[in-house]
């Protein structure tokens, strides 16, 4: 039997007794302006000529995911955390109240 835990609070989710909610997030660069992308690609090509060695080191080196263009994330949530997530999915309200509402 598969056991699930909430990725926000860590509580074990009893799938026989309560609902488990799945949150899927896609992160990717917006492709709004074709001209800017073309200029960026041209600049990137020019720089690549000068940084061939750096590029090889980056490809072989770190796999930290900072330069990934597309990424999907998946989280399991308990009913309580699901309610909180739906009210404030990016935690903007929580962040602002914690740091700016003094």
PDB file of N, CA and C in Angstrom:
ATOM      1  N   UNK A   1       0.837  -1.184   0.000  1.00  0.00           N
ATOM      2  CA  UNK A   1       0.000   0.000   0.000  1.00  0.00           C
ATOM      3  C   UNK A   1       0.882   1.247   0.000  1.00  0.00           C
ATOM      4  N   UNK A   2       0.506   2.235  -0.772  1.00  0.00           N
ATOM      5  CA  UNK A   2       1.262   3.472  -0.872  1.00  0.00           C
ATOM      6  C   UNK A   2       0.820   4.427   0.222  1.00  0.00           C
ATOM      7  N   UNK A   3       1.809   5.041   0.879  1.00  0.00           N
ATOM      8  CA  UNK A   3       1.525   6.025   1.919  1.00  0.00           C
ATOM      9  C   UNK A   3       1.889   7.409   1.403  1.00  0.00           C
ATOM     10  N   UNK A   4       1.017   8.382   1.678  1.00  0.00           N
ATOM     11  CA  UNK A   4       1.252   9.749   1.258  1.00  0.00           C
ATOM     12  C   UNK A   4       1.367  10.651   2.473  1.00  0.00           C
ATOM     13  N   UNK A   5       2.194  11.675   2.337  1.00  0.00           N
ATOM     14  CA  UNK A   5       2.261  12.704   3.374  1.00  0.00           C
ATOM     15  C   UNK A   5       2.136  14.064   2.691  1.00  0.00           C
ATOM     16  N   UNK A   6       1.615  15.026   3.437  1.00  0.00           N
ATOM     17  CA  UNK A   6       1.407  16.364   2.912  1.00  0.00           C
ATOM     18  C   UNK A   6       2.758  17.049   2.743  1.00  0.00           C
ATOM     19  N   UNK A   7       2.983  17.620   1.586  1.00  0.00           N
ATOM     20  CA  UNK A   7       4.250  18.284   1.313  1.00  0.00           C
ATOM     21  C   UNK A   7       4.356  19.650   1.977  1.00  0.00           C
ATOM     22  N   UNK A   8       3.260  20.156   2.545  1.00  0.00           N
ATOM     23  CA  UNK A   8       3.324  21.434   3.259  1.00  0.00           C
ATOM     24  C   UNK A   8       3.529  21.223   4.756  1.00  0.00           C
ATOM     25  N   UNK A   9       2.687  20.402   5.375  1.00  0.00           N
ATOM     26  CA  UNK A   9       2.749  20.257   6.831  1.00  0.00           C
ATOM     27  C   UNK A   9       3.404  18.963   7.292  1.00  0.00           C
ATOM     28  N   UNK A  10       3.561  18.001   6.389  1.00  0.00           N
ATOM     29  CA  UNK A  10       4.208  16.751   6.734  1.00  0.00           C
ATOM     30  C   UNK A  10       3.278  15.687   7.310  1.00  0.00           C
ATOM     31  N   UNK A  11       2.010  16.031   7.487  1.00  0.00           N
ATOM     32  CA  UNK A  11       1.038  15.093   8.056  1.00  0.00           C
ATOM     33  C   UNK A  11       0.821  13.909   7.115  1.00  0.00           C
ATOM     34  N   UNK A  12       0.686  12.714   7.677  1.00  0.00           N
ATOM     35  CA  UNK A  12       0.371  11.533   6.879  1.00  0.00           C
ATOM     36  C   UNK A  12      -1.077  11.655   6.410  1.00  0.00           C
ATOM     37  N   UNK A  13      -1.298  11.434   5.127  1.00  0.00           N
ATOM     38  CA  UNK A  13      -2.638  11.527   4.558  1.00  0.00           C
ATOM     39  C   UNK A  13      -3.239  10.131   4.514  1.00  0.00           C
ATOM     40  N   UNK A  14      -4.314   9.951   5.255  1.00  0.00           N
ATOM     41  CA  UNK A  14      -5.024   8.670   5.288  1.00  0.00           C
ATOM     42  C   UNK A  14      -5.968   8.628   4.090  1.00  0.00           C
ATOM     43  N   UNK A  15      -5.539   8.020   2.999  1.00  0.00           N
ATOM     44  CA  UNK A  15      -6.313   8.064   1.761  1.00  0.00           C
ATOM     45  C   UNK A  15      -7.644   7.335   1.870  1.00  0.00           C
ATOM     46  N   UNK A  16      -7.770   6.429   2.839  1.00  0.00           N
ATOM     47  CA  UNK A  16      -9.039   5.729   3.020  1.00  0.00           C
ATOM     48  C   UNK A  16     -10.060   6.631   3.710  1.00  0.00           C
ATOM     49  N   UNK A  17      -9.575   7.628   4.460  1.00  0.00           N
ATOM     50  CA  UNK A  17     -10.457   8.461   5.275  1.00  0.00           C
ATOM     51  C   UNK A  17     -10.586   9.896   4.784  1.00  0.00           C
ATOM     52  N   UNK A  18      -9.587  10.414   4.071  1.00  0.00           N
ATOM     53  CA  UNK A  18      -9.623  11.806   3.641  1.00  0.00           C
ATOM     54  C   UNK A  18      -9.094  11.953   2.226  1.00  0.00           C
ATOM     55  N   UNK A  19      -9.451  13.078   1.621  1.00  0.00           N
ATOM     56  CA  UNK A  19      -8.987  13.349   0.270  1.00  0.00           C
ATOM     57  C   UNK A  19      -7.528  13.786   0.274  1.00  0.00           C
ATOM     58  N   UNK A  20      -6.849  13.411  -0.766  1.00  0.00           N
ATOM     59  CA  UNK A  20      -5.490  13.887  -1.024  1.00  0.00           C
ATOM     60  C   UNK A  20      -5.570  14.765  -2.253  1.00  0.00           C
ATOM     61  N   UNK A  21      -5.015  15.967  -2.159  1.00  0.00           N
ATOM     62  CA  UNK A  21      -5.034  16.904  -3.274  1.00  0.00           C
ATOM     63  C   UNK A  21      -3.652  16.944  -3.913  1.00  0.00           C
ATOM     64  N   UNK A  22      -3.634  17.036  -5.230  1.00  0.00           N
ATOM     65  CA  UNK A  22      -2.387  17.105  -5.976  1.00  0.00           C
ATOM     66  C   UNK A  22      -2.285  18.489  -6.613  1.00  0.00           C
ATOM     67  N   UNK A  23      -1.148  19.132  -6.413  1.00  0.00           N
ATOM     68  CA  UNK A  23      -0.863  20.415  -7.032  1.00  0.00           C
ATOM     69  C   UNK A  23       0.262  20.184  -8.041  1.00  0.00           C
ATOM     70  N   UNK A  24       0.024  20.596  -9.285  1.00  0.00           N
ATOM     71  CA  UNK A  24       1.044  20.503 -10.325  1.00  0.00           C
ATOM     72  C   UNK A  24       1.354  21.919 -10.786  1.00  0.00           C
ATOM     73  N   UNK A  25       2.636  22.229 -10.853  1.00  0.00           N
ATOM     74  CA  UNK A  25       3.074  23.558 -11.255  1.00  0.00           C
ATOM     75  C   UNK A  25       4.036  23.409 -12.423  1.00  0.00           C
ATOM     76  N   UNK A  26       3.839  24.227 -13.439  1.00  0.00           N
ATOM     77  CA  UNK A  26       4.753  24.289 -14.571  1.00  0.00           C
ATOM     78  C   UNK A  26       5.457  25.637 -14.536  1.00  0.00           C
ATOM     79  N   UNK A  27       6.765  25.612 -14.670  1.00  0.00           N
ATOM     80  CA  UNK A  27       7.553  26.837 -14.690  1.00  0.00           C
ATOM     81  C   UNK A  27       8.325  26.867 -16.000  1.00  0.00           C
ATOM     82  N   UNK A  28       8.125  27.950 -16.758  1.00  0.00           N
ATOM     83  CA  UNK A  28       8.819  28.089 -18.036  1.00  0.00           C
ATOM     84  C   UNK A  28       8.873  29.557 -18.407  1.00  0.00           C
ATOM     85  N   UNK A  29       9.841  29.925 -19.237  1.00  0.00           N
ATOM     86  CA  UNK A  29       9.952  31.333 -19.627  1.00  0.00           C
ATOM     87  C   UNK A  29       8.813  31.723 -20.565  1.00  0.00           C
ATOM     88  N   UNK A  30       8.299  32.923 -20.370  1.00  0.00           N
ATOM     89  CA  UNK A  30       7.254  33.439 -21.256  1.00  0.00           C
ATOM     90  C   UNK A  30       7.878  33.803 -22.589  1.00  0.00           C
ATOM     91  N   UNK A  31       7.191  33.507 -23.647  1.00  0.00           N
ATOM     92  CA  UNK A  31       7.683  33.803 -24.984  1.00  0.00           C
ATOM     93  C   UNK A  31       6.793  34.882 -25.581  1.00  0.00           C
ATOM     94  N   UNK A  32       6.779  36.056 -24.935  1.00  0.00           N
ATOM     95  CA  UNK A  32       5.879  37.128 -25.328  1.00  0.00           C
ATOM     96  C   UNK A  32       6.374  37.939 -26.517  1.00  0.00           C
ATOM     97  N   UNK A  33       7.661  38.200 -26.577  1.00  0.00           N
ATOM     98  CA  UNK A  33       8.175  39.103 -27.595  1.00  0.00           C
ATOM     99  C   UNK A  33       9.202  38.364 -28.452  1.00  0.00           C
ATOM    100  N   UNK A  34       8.846  38.130 -29.699  1.00  0.00           N
ATOM    101  CA  UNK A  34       9.735  37.413 -30.616  1.00  0.00           C
ATOM    102  C   UNK A  34      11.034  38.170 -30.868  1.00  0.00           C
ATOM    103  N   UNK A  35      10.960  39.499 -31.056  1.00  0.00           N
ATOM    104  CA  UNK A  35      12.146  40.275 -31.372  1.00  0.00           C
ATOM    105  C   UNK A  35      13.188  40.197 -30.264  1.00  0.00           C
ATOM    106  N   UNK A  36      12.746  40.319 -29.020  1.00  0.00           N
ATOM    107  CA  UNK A  36      13.696  40.249 -27.910  1.00  0.00           C
ATOM    108  C   UNK A  36      14.358  38.882 -27.866  1.00  0.00           C
ATOM    109  N   UNK A  37      13.601  37.840 -28.122  1.00  0.00           N
ATOM    110  CA  UNK A  37      14.164  36.494 -28.109  1.00  0.00           C
ATOM    111  C   UNK A  37      15.181  36.318 -29.230  1.00  0.00           C
ATOM    112  N   UNK A  38      14.892  36.881 -30.410  1.00  0.00           N
ATOM    113  CA  UNK A  38      15.832  36.780 -31.521  1.00  0.00           C
ATOM    114  C   UNK A  38      17.125  37.531 -31.215  1.00  0.00           C
ATOM    115  N   UNK A  39      17.002  38.726 -30.621  1.00  0.00           N
ATOM    116  CA  UNK A  39      18.190  39.485 -30.234  1.00  0.00           C
ATOM    117  C   UNK A  39      18.988  38.740 -29.181  1.00  0.00           C
ATOM    118  N   UNK A  40      18.294  38.145 -28.233  1.00  0.00           N
ATOM    119  CA  UNK A  40      18.968  37.386 -27.183  1.00  0.00           C
ATOM    120  C   UNK A  40      19.694  36.187 -27.773  1.00  0.00           C
ATOM    121  N   UNK A  41      19.045  35.488 -28.697  1.00  0.00           N
ATOM    122  CA  UNK A  41      19.688  34.326 -29.330  1.00  0.00           C
ATOM    123  C   UNK A  41      20.930  34.732 -30.100  1.00  0.00           C
ATOM    124  N   UNK A  42      20.862  35.863 -30.805  1.00  0.00           N
ATOM    125  CA  UNK A  42      22.028  36.340 -31.556  1.00  0.00           C
ATOM    126  C   UNK A  42      23.170  36.699 -30.608  1.00  0.00           C
ATOM    127  N   UNK A  43      22.850  37.382 -29.511  1.00  0.00           N
ATOM    128  CA  UNK A  43      23.865  37.735 -28.518  1.00  0.00           C
ATOM    129  C   UNK A  43      24.449  36.480 -27.879  1.00  0.00           C
ATOM    130  N   UNK A  44      23.593  35.530 -27.594  1.00  0.00           N
ATOM    131  CA  UNK A  44      24.046  34.279 -26.988  1.00  0.00           C
ATOM    132  C   UNK A  44      24.993  33.535 -27.927  1.00  0.00           C
ATOM    133  N   UNK A  45      24.680  33.542 -29.225  1.00  0.00           N
ATOM    134  CA  UNK A  45      25.557  32.891 -30.209  1.00  0.00           C
ATOM    135  C   UNK A  45      26.919  33.574 -30.270  1.00  0.00           C
ATOM    136  N   UNK A  46      26.907  34.925 -30.246  1.00  0.00           N
ATOM    137  CA  UNK A  46      28.170  35.663 -30.263  1.00  0.00           C
ATOM    138  C   UNK A  46      29.013  35.349 -29.041  1.00  0.00           C
ATOM    139  N   UNK A  47      28.377  35.315 -27.880  1.00  0.00           N
ATOM    140  CA  UNK A  47      29.114  35.032 -26.644  1.00  0.00           C
ATOM    141  C   UNK A  47      29.610  33.598 -26.599  1.00  0.00           C
ATOM    142  N   UNK A  48      28.868  32.689 -27.224  1.00  0.00           N
ATOM    143  CA  UNK A  48      29.263  31.279 -27.208  1.00  0.00           C
ATOM    144  C   UNK A  48      30.614  31.079 -27.872  1.00  0.00           C
ATOM    145  N   UNK A  49      30.914  31.876 -28.887  1.00  0.00           N
ATOM    146  CA  UNK A  49      32.202  31.755 -29.563  1.00  0.00           C
ATOM    147  C   UNK A  49      33.353  32.034 -28.595  1.00  0.00           C
ATOM    148  N   UNK A  50      33.132  32.965 -27.686  1.00  0.00           N
ATOM    149  CA  UNK A  50      34.194  33.351 -26.762  1.00  0.00           C
ATOM    150  C   UNK A  50      34.248  32.473 -25.516  1.00  0.00           C
ATOM    151  N   UNK A  51      33.170  31.763 -25.240  1.00  0.00           N
ATOM    152  CA  UNK A  51      33.094  31.014 -23.988  1.00  0.00           C
ATOM    153  C   UNK A  51      32.905  29.520 -24.205  1.00  0.00           C
ATOM    154  N   UNK A  52      33.518  28.978 -25.222  1.00  0.00           N
ATOM    155  CA  UNK A  52      33.344  27.553 -25.495  1.00  0.00           C
ATOM    156  C   UNK A  52      33.798  26.681 -24.330  1.00  0.00           C
ATOM    157  N   UNK A  53      34.913  27.037 -23.732  1.00  0.00           N
ATOM    158  CA  UNK A  53      35.421  26.250 -22.609  1.00  0.00           C
ATOM    159  C   UNK A  53      34.478  26.325 -21.408  1.00  0.00           C
ATOM    160  N   UNK A  54      33.946  27.510 -21.123  1.00  0.00           N
ATOM    161  CA  UNK A  54      33.010  27.665 -20.004  1.00  0.00           C
ATOM    162  C   UNK A  54      31.761  26.844 -20.231  1.00  0.00           C
ATOM    163  N   UNK A  55      31.259  26.829 -21.474  1.00  0.00           N
ATOM    164  CA  UNK A  55      30.062  26.059 -21.782  1.00  0.00           C
ATOM    165  C   UNK A  55      30.285  24.570 -21.533  1.00  0.00           C
ATOM    166  N   UNK A  56      31.453  24.063 -21.935  1.00  0.00           N
ATOM    167  CA  UNK A  56      31.743  22.647 -21.733  1.00  0.00           C
ATOM    168  C   UNK A  56      31.785  22.317 -20.245  1.00  0.00           C
ATOM    169  N   UNK A  57      32.380  23.204 -19.447  1.00  0.00           N
ATOM    170  CA  UNK A  57      32.447  22.975 -18.005  1.00  0.00           C
ATOM    171  C   UNK A  57      31.063  22.998 -17.382  1.00  0.00           C
ATOM    172  N   UNK A  58      30.190  23.897 -17.828  1.00  0.00           N
ATOM    173  CA  UNK A  58      28.842  23.973 -17.276  1.00  0.00           C
ATOM    174  C   UNK A  58      28.046  22.729 -17.617  1.00  0.00           C
ATOM    175  N   UNK A  59      28.183  22.224 -18.845  1.00  0.00           N
ATOM    176  CA  UNK A  59      27.452  21.029 -19.238  1.00  0.00           C
ATOM    177  C   UNK A  59      27.871  19.830 -18.409  1.00  0.00           C
ATOM    178  N   UNK A  60      29.170  19.729 -18.136  1.00  0.00           N
ATOM    179  CA  UNK A  60      29.680  18.603 -17.380  1.00  0.00           C
ATOM    180  C   UNK A  60      29.542  18.811 -15.882  1.00  0.00           C
ATOM    181  N   UNK A  61      29.476  20.054 -15.475  1.00  0.00           N
ATOM    182  CA  UNK A  61      29.542  20.398 -14.057  1.00  0.00           C
ATOM    183  C   UNK A  61      28.235  20.279 -13.326  1.00  0.00           C
ATOM    184  N   UNK A  62      27.853  21.374 -12.693  1.00  0.00           N
ATOM    185  CA  UNK A  62      26.743  21.360 -11.746  1.00  0.00           C
ATOM    186  C   UNK A  62      25.426  21.028 -12.426  1.00  0.00           C
ATOM    187  N   UNK A  63      24.561  20.382 -11.652  1.00  0.00           N
ATOM    188  CA  UNK A  63      23.209  20.043 -12.086  1.00  0.00           C
ATOM    189  C   UNK A  63      22.231  20.645 -11.089  1.00  0.00           C
ATOM    190  N   UNK A  64      22.387  21.956 -10.807  1.00  0.00           N
ATOM    191  CA  UNK A  64      21.577  22.586  -9.779  1.00  0.00           C
ATOM    192  C   UNK A  64      20.222  23.048 -10.276  1.00  0.00           C
ATOM    193  N   UNK A  65      19.963  23.019 -11.587  1.00  0.00           N
ATOM    194  CA  UNK A  65      18.651  23.336 -12.111  1.00  0.00           C
ATOM    195  C   UNK A  65      18.364  24.818 -12.237  1.00  0.00           C
ATOM    196  N   UNK A  66      19.334  25.707 -11.980  1.00  0.00           N
ATOM    197  CA  UNK A  66      19.082  27.131 -12.041  1.00  0.00           C
ATOM    198  C   UNK A  66      18.798  27.611 -13.451  1.00  0.00           C
ATOM    199  N   UNK A  67      19.362  26.954 -14.474  1.00  0.00           N
ATOM    200  CA  UNK A  67      19.200  27.437 -15.834  1.00  0.00           C
ATOM    201  C   UNK A  67      18.218  26.586 -16.635  1.00  0.00           C
ATOM    202  N   UNK A  68      17.391  25.831 -15.977  1.00  0.00           N
ATOM    203  CA  UNK A  68      16.409  25.013 -16.678  1.00  0.00           C
ATOM    204  C   UNK A  68      15.334  25.908 -17.269  1.00  0.00           C
ATOM    205  N   UNK A  69      14.946  25.649 -18.486  1.00  0.00           N
ATOM    206  CA  UNK A  69      13.931  26.462 -19.122  1.00  0.00           C
ATOM    207  C   UNK A  69      12.534  25.971 -18.795  1.00  0.00           C
ATOM    208  N   UNK A  70      12.345  24.687 -18.550  1.00  0.00           N
ATOM    209  CA  UNK A  70      11.027  24.141 -18.269  1.00  0.00           C
ATOM    210  C   UNK A  70      11.146  23.193 -17.081  1.00  0.00           C
ATOM    211  N   UNK A  71      10.257  23.351 -16.150  1.00  0.00           N
ATOM    212  CA  UNK A  71      10.289  22.483 -14.981  1.00  0.00           C
ATOM    213  C   UNK A  71       8.865  22.247 -14.504  1.00  0.00           C
ATOM    214  N   UNK A  72       8.577  21.019 -14.108  1.00  0.00           N
ATOM    215  CA  UNK A  72       7.280  20.718 -13.519  1.00  0.00           C
ATOM    216  C   UNK A  72       7.504  20.298 -12.072  1.00  0.00           C
ATOM    217  N   UNK A  73       6.589  20.716 -11.229  1.00  0.00           N
ATOM    218  CA  UNK A  73       6.639  20.371  -9.810  1.00  0.00           C
ATOM    219  C   UNK A  73       5.315  19.723  -9.442  1.00  0.00           C
ATOM    220  N   UNK A  74       5.351  18.766  -8.518  1.00  0.00           N
ATOM    221  CA  UNK A  74       4.145  18.064  -8.093  1.00  0.00           C
ATOM    222  C   UNK A  74       4.176  17.927  -6.580  1.00  0.00           C
ATOM    223  N   UNK A  75       3.051  18.280  -5.951  1.00  0.00           N
ATOM    224  CA  UNK A  75       2.960  18.224  -4.495  1.00  0.00           C
ATOM    225  C   UNK A  75       1.654  17.560  -4.080  1.00  0.00           C
ATOM    226  N   UNK A  76       1.700  16.797  -2.990  1.00  0.00           N
ATOM    227  CA  UNK A  76       0.506  16.234  -2.372  1.00  0.00           C
ATOM    228  C   UNK A  76       0.142  17.103  -1.178  1.00  0.00           C
ATOM    229  N   UNK A  77      -1.158  17.416  -1.045  1.00  0.00           N
ATOM    230  CA  UNK A  77      -1.616  18.242   0.064  1.00  0.00           C
ATOM    231  C   UNK A  77      -2.757  17.573   0.795  1.00  0.00           C
ATOM    232  N   UNK A  78      -2.775  17.752   2.119  1.00  0.00           N
ATOM    233  CA  UNK A  78      -3.901  17.308   2.935  1.00  0.00           C
ATOM    234  C   UNK A  78      -5.040  18.319   2.753  1.00  0.00           C
ATOM    235  N   UNK A  79      -6.257  18.009   3.182  1.00  0.00           N
ATOM    236  CA  UNK A  79      -7.381  18.933   3.000  1.00  0.00           C
ATOM    237  C   UNK A  79      -7.160  20.316   3.624  1.00  0.00           C
ATOM    238  N   UNK A  80      -6.550  20.384   4.791  1.00  0.00           N
ATOM    239  CA  UNK A  80      -6.324  21.669   5.454  1.00  0.00           C
ATOM    240  C   UNK A  80      -5.339  22.537   4.667  1.00  0.00           C
ATOM    241  N   UNK A  81      -4.243  21.951   4.238  1.00  0.00           N
ATOM    242  CA  UNK A  81      -3.245  22.697   3.476  1.00  0.00           C
ATOM    243  C   UNK A  81      -3.771  23.053   2.090  1.00  0.00           C
ATOM    244  N   UNK A  82      -4.615  22.196   1.533  1.00  0.00           N
ATOM    245  CA  UNK A  82      -5.251  22.504   0.254  1.00  0.00           C
ATOM    246  C   UNK A  82      -6.074  23.782   0.365  1.00  0.00           C
ATOM    247  N   UNK A  83      -6.845  23.915   1.424  1.00  0.00           N
ATOM    248  CA  UNK A  83      -7.653  25.128   1.622  1.00  0.00           C
ATOM    249  C   UNK A  83      -6.761  26.358   1.714  1.00  0.00           C
ATOM    250  N   UNK A  84      -5.684  26.264   2.471  1.00  0.00           N
ATOM    251  CA  UNK A  84      -4.759  27.392   2.609  1.00  0.00           C
ATOM    252  C   UNK A  84      -4.082  27.708   1.284  1.00  0.00           C
ATOM    253  N   UNK A  85      -3.716  26.684   0.542  1.00  0.00           N
ATOM    254  CA  UNK A  85      -3.040  26.888  -0.741  1.00  0.00           C
ATOM    255  C   UNK A  85      -3.957  27.576  -1.743  1.00  0.00           C
ATOM    256  N   UNK A  86      -5.205  27.156  -1.812  1.00  0.00           N
ATOM    257  CA  UNK A  86      -6.148  27.736  -2.760  1.00  0.00           C
ATOM    258  C   UNK A  86      -6.408  29.209  -2.426  1.00  0.00           C
ATOM    259  N   UNK A  87      -6.434  29.555  -1.145  1.00  0.00           N
ATOM    260  CA  UNK A  87      -6.642  30.954  -0.740  1.00  0.00           C
ATOM    261  C   UNK A  87      -5.450  31.831  -1.087  1.00  0.00           C
ATOM    262  N   UNK A  88      -4.240  31.276  -1.040  1.00  0.00           N
ATOM    263  CA  UNK A  88      -3.025  32.076  -1.235  1.00  0.00           C
ATOM    264  C   UNK A  88      -1.951  31.209  -1.897  1.00  0.00           C
ATOM    265  N   UNK A  89      -2.117  30.877  -3.195  1.00  0.00           N
ATOM    266  CA  UNK A  89      -1.226  29.907  -3.842  1.00  0.00           C
ATOM    267  C   UNK A  89       0.246  30.296  -3.881  1.00  0.00           C
ATOM    268  N   UNK A  90       0.554  31.570  -3.956  1.00  0.00           N
ATOM    269  CA  UNK A  90       1.954  31.989  -3.979  1.00  0.00           C
ATOM    270  C   UNK A  90       2.417  32.512  -2.631  1.00  0.00           C
ATOM    271  N   UNK A  91       1.585  32.402  -1.627  1.00  0.00           N
ATOM    272  CA  UNK A  91       1.877  32.843  -0.256  1.00  0.00           C
ATOM    273  C   UNK A  91       2.222  34.326  -0.191  1.00  0.00           C
ATOM    274  N   UNK A  92       1.655  35.092  -1.111  1.00  0.00           N
ATOM    275  CA  UNK A  92       1.898  36.533  -1.143  1.00  0.00           C
ATOM    276  C   UNK A  92       1.297  37.198   0.083  1.00  0.00           C
ATOM    277  N   UNK A  93       0.054  36.851   0.416  1.00  0.00           N
ATOM    278  CA  UNK A  93      -0.600  37.442   1.588  1.00  0.00           C
ATOM    279  C   UNK A  93       0.166  37.095   2.858  1.00  0.00           C
ATOM    280  N   UNK A  94       0.568  35.852   2.987  1.00  0.00           N
ATOM    281  CA  UNK A  94       1.315  35.428   4.171  1.00  0.00           C
ATOM    282  C   UNK A  94       2.652  36.151   4.262  1.00  0.00           C
ATOM    283  N   UNK A  95       3.332  36.280   3.149  1.00  0.00           N
ATOM    284  CA  UNK A  95       4.631  36.941   3.110  1.00  0.00           C
ATOM    285  C   UNK A  95       4.497  38.408   3.494  1.00  0.00           C
ATOM    286  N   UNK A  96       3.528  39.076   2.883  1.00  0.00           N
ATOM    287  CA  UNK A  96       3.337  40.500   3.162  1.00  0.00           C
ATOM    288  C   UNK A  96       2.957  40.733   4.618  1.00  0.00           C
ATOM    289  N   UNK A  97       2.066  39.917   5.134  1.00  0.00           N
ATOM    290  CA  UNK A  97       1.643  40.126   6.520  1.00  0.00           C
ATOM    291  C   UNK A  97       2.780  39.849   7.495  1.00  0.00           C
ATOM    292  N   UNK A  98       3.638  38.949   7.157  1.00  0.00           N
ATOM    293  CA  UNK A  98       4.750  38.611   8.049  1.00  0.00           C
ATOM    294  C   UNK A  98       5.837  39.694   8.059  1.00  0.00           C
ATOM    295  N   UNK A  99       6.113  40.260   6.889  1.00  0.00           N
ATOM    296  CA  UNK A  99       7.252  41.175   6.786  1.00  0.00           C
ATOM    297  C   UNK A  99       6.873  42.648   6.656  1.00  0.00           C
ATOM    298  N   UNK A 100       5.630  42.955   6.258  1.00  0.00           N
ATOM    299  CA  UNK A 100       5.311  44.347   5.987  1.00  0.00           C
ATOM    300  C   UNK A 100       4.160  44.910   6.815  1.00  0.00           C
ATOM    301  N   UNK A 101       3.410  44.110   7.497  1.00  0.00           N
ATOM    302  CA  UNK A 101       2.268  44.594   8.284  1.00  0.00           C
ATOM    303  C   UNK A 101       2.608  44.706   9.757  1.00  0.00           C
ATOM    304  N   UNK A 102       3.633  45.415  10.068  1.00  0.00           N
ATOM    305  CA  UNK A 102       4.050  45.547  11.476  1.00  0.00           C
ATOM    306  C   UNK A 102       3.350  46.663  12.138  1.00  0.00           C
TER     307      UNK A 102
END
